């Protein structure tokens, strides 16, 4: 069964939350919430990308992180 995690990257480095979310829809919803609400990863990777990646390494969703967050 596939699981999903949320990744952050900015061209220089990348990181991920370490989640094992069971559905793609829930992972995308969580990532969208992070973009709206912000968190330390959003601040650290401003101007980069937030992505949902499945357990096989396939990116299933991706959005740019605004360069100027709050």
C-alpha atoms as a PDB file:
ATOM      1  CA  UNK A   1       0.000   0.000   0.000  1.00  0.00           C
ATOM      2  CA  UNK A   2       1.349   3.420  -0.960  1.00  0.00           C
ATOM      3  CA  UNK A   3       1.858   6.113   1.622  1.00  0.00           C
ATOM      4  CA  UNK A   4       2.552   9.797   1.078  1.00  0.00           C
ATOM      5  CA  UNK A   5       4.934  12.339   2.605  1.00  0.00           C
ATOM      6  CA  UNK A   6       5.342  16.097   2.261  1.00  0.00           C
ATOM      7  CA  UNK A   7       8.642  17.389   0.856  1.00  0.00           C
ATOM      8  CA  UNK A   8      10.157  20.860   0.718  1.00  0.00           C
ATOM      9  CA  UNK A   9      12.954  22.006  -1.599  1.00  0.00           C
ATOM     10  CA  UNK A  10      14.561  25.243  -2.723  1.00  0.00           C
ATOM     11  CA  UNK A  11      17.215  24.185  -5.247  1.00  0.00           C
ATOM     12  CA  UNK A  12      19.942  24.075  -2.598  1.00  0.00           C
ATOM     13  CA  UNK A  13      18.475  21.661  -0.084  1.00  0.00           C
ATOM     14  CA  UNK A  14      15.424  19.570   0.653  1.00  0.00           C
ATOM     15  CA  UNK A  15      13.650  18.076   3.626  1.00  0.00           C
ATOM     16  CA  UNK A  16      10.520  16.111   4.375  1.00  0.00           C
ATOM     17  CA  UNK A  17       8.130  15.705   7.267  1.00  0.00           C
ATOM     18  CA  UNK A  18       8.524  11.939   7.630  1.00  0.00           C
ATOM     19  CA  UNK A  19       4.797  11.284   7.347  1.00  0.00           C
ATOM     20  CA  UNK A  20       3.249   8.016   6.178  1.00  0.00           C
ATOM     21  CA  UNK A  21      -0.111   9.461   5.162  1.00  0.00           C
ATOM     22  CA  UNK A  22      -2.463   6.781   3.862  1.00  0.00           C
ATOM     23  CA  UNK A  23      -4.242   8.737   1.098  1.00  0.00           C
ATOM     24  CA  UNK A  24      -3.035  11.133  -1.559  1.00  0.00           C
ATOM     25  CA  UNK A  25      -6.018  13.412  -0.926  1.00  0.00           C
ATOM     26  CA  UNK A  26      -5.215  13.799   2.772  1.00  0.00           C
ATOM     27  CA  UNK A  27      -1.536  14.490   2.020  1.00  0.00           C
ATOM     28  CA  UNK A  28      -2.423  17.167  -0.548  1.00  0.00           C
ATOM     29  CA  UNK A  29      -4.902  18.735   1.876  1.00  0.00           C
ATOM     30  CA  UNK A  30      -2.249  18.845   4.605  1.00  0.00           C
ATOM     31  CA  UNK A  31       0.280  20.414   2.218  1.00  0.00           C
ATOM     32  CA  UNK A  32      -2.250  23.039   1.114  1.00  0.00           C
ATOM     33  CA  UNK A  33      -2.973  23.834   4.777  1.00  0.00           C
ATOM     34  CA  UNK A  34       0.743  24.293   5.418  1.00  0.00           C
ATOM     35  CA  UNK A  35       0.940  26.765   2.531  1.00  0.00           C
ATOM     36  CA  UNK A  36      -1.980  28.769   3.939  1.00  0.00           C
ATOM     37  CA  UNK A  37      -1.089  28.619   7.637  1.00  0.00           C
ATOM     38  CA  UNK A  38       2.702  28.536   7.321  1.00  0.00           C
ATOM     39  CA  UNK A  39       5.205  26.673   9.458  1.00  0.00           C
ATOM     40  CA  UNK A  40       8.989  26.611   9.899  1.00  0.00           C
ATOM     41  CA  UNK A  41       9.472  24.549   6.722  1.00  0.00           C
ATOM     42  CA  UNK A  42       7.412  27.035   4.689  1.00  0.00           C
ATOM     43  CA  UNK A  43       9.567  29.862   6.069  1.00  0.00           C
ATOM     44  CA  UNK A  44      12.825  27.954   5.486  1.00  0.00           C
ATOM     45  CA  UNK A  45      11.950  26.996   1.897  1.00  0.00           C
ATOM     46  CA  UNK A  46      10.219  30.238   0.806  1.00  0.00           C
ATOM     47  CA  UNK A  47      10.656  30.600  -2.951  1.00  0.00           C
ATOM     48  CA  UNK A  48      11.005  26.833  -3.365  1.00  0.00           C
ATOM     49  CA  UNK A  49       8.507  24.004  -3.742  1.00  0.00           C
ATOM     50  CA  UNK A  50       6.237  21.979  -1.507  1.00  0.00           C
ATOM     51  CA  UNK A  51       5.429  18.530  -2.888  1.00  0.00           C
ATOM     52  CA  UNK A  52       3.562  15.369  -2.031  1.00  0.00           C
ATOM     53  CA  UNK A  53       5.638  12.300  -2.858  1.00  0.00           C
ATOM     54  CA  UNK A  54       4.440   8.715  -2.697  1.00  0.00           C
ATOM     55  CA  UNK A  55       6.368   5.852  -1.114  1.00  0.00           C
ATOM     56  CA  UNK A  56       7.681   4.863  -4.558  1.00  0.00           C
ATOM     57  CA  UNK A  57       9.318   8.287  -4.977  1.00  0.00           C
ATOM     58  CA  UNK A  58       6.785   9.700  -7.451  1.00  0.00           C
ATOM     59  CA  UNK A  59       5.766  13.335  -7.013  1.00  0.00           C
ATOM     60  CA  UNK A  60       1.962  13.404  -7.195  1.00  0.00           C
ATOM     61  CA  UNK A  61       1.400  17.099  -6.378  1.00  0.00           C
ATOM     62  CA  UNK A  62       3.615  20.173  -6.194  1.00  0.00           C
ATOM     63  CA  UNK A  63       3.163  23.915  -5.682  1.00  0.00           C
ATOM     64  CA  UNK A  64       5.565  26.859  -5.382  1.00  0.00           C
ATOM     65  CA  UNK A  65       6.061  28.337  -1.923  1.00  0.00           C
ATOM     66  CA  UNK A  66       5.673  32.119  -2.099  1.00  0.00           C
ATOM     67  CA  UNK A  67       8.968  33.941  -1.617  1.00  0.00           C
ATOM     68  CA  UNK A  68       7.459  36.296   0.950  1.00  0.00           C
ATOM     69  CA  UNK A  69       5.369  34.451   3.502  1.00  0.00           C
ATOM     70  CA  UNK A  70       3.514  36.549   6.090  1.00  0.00           C
END
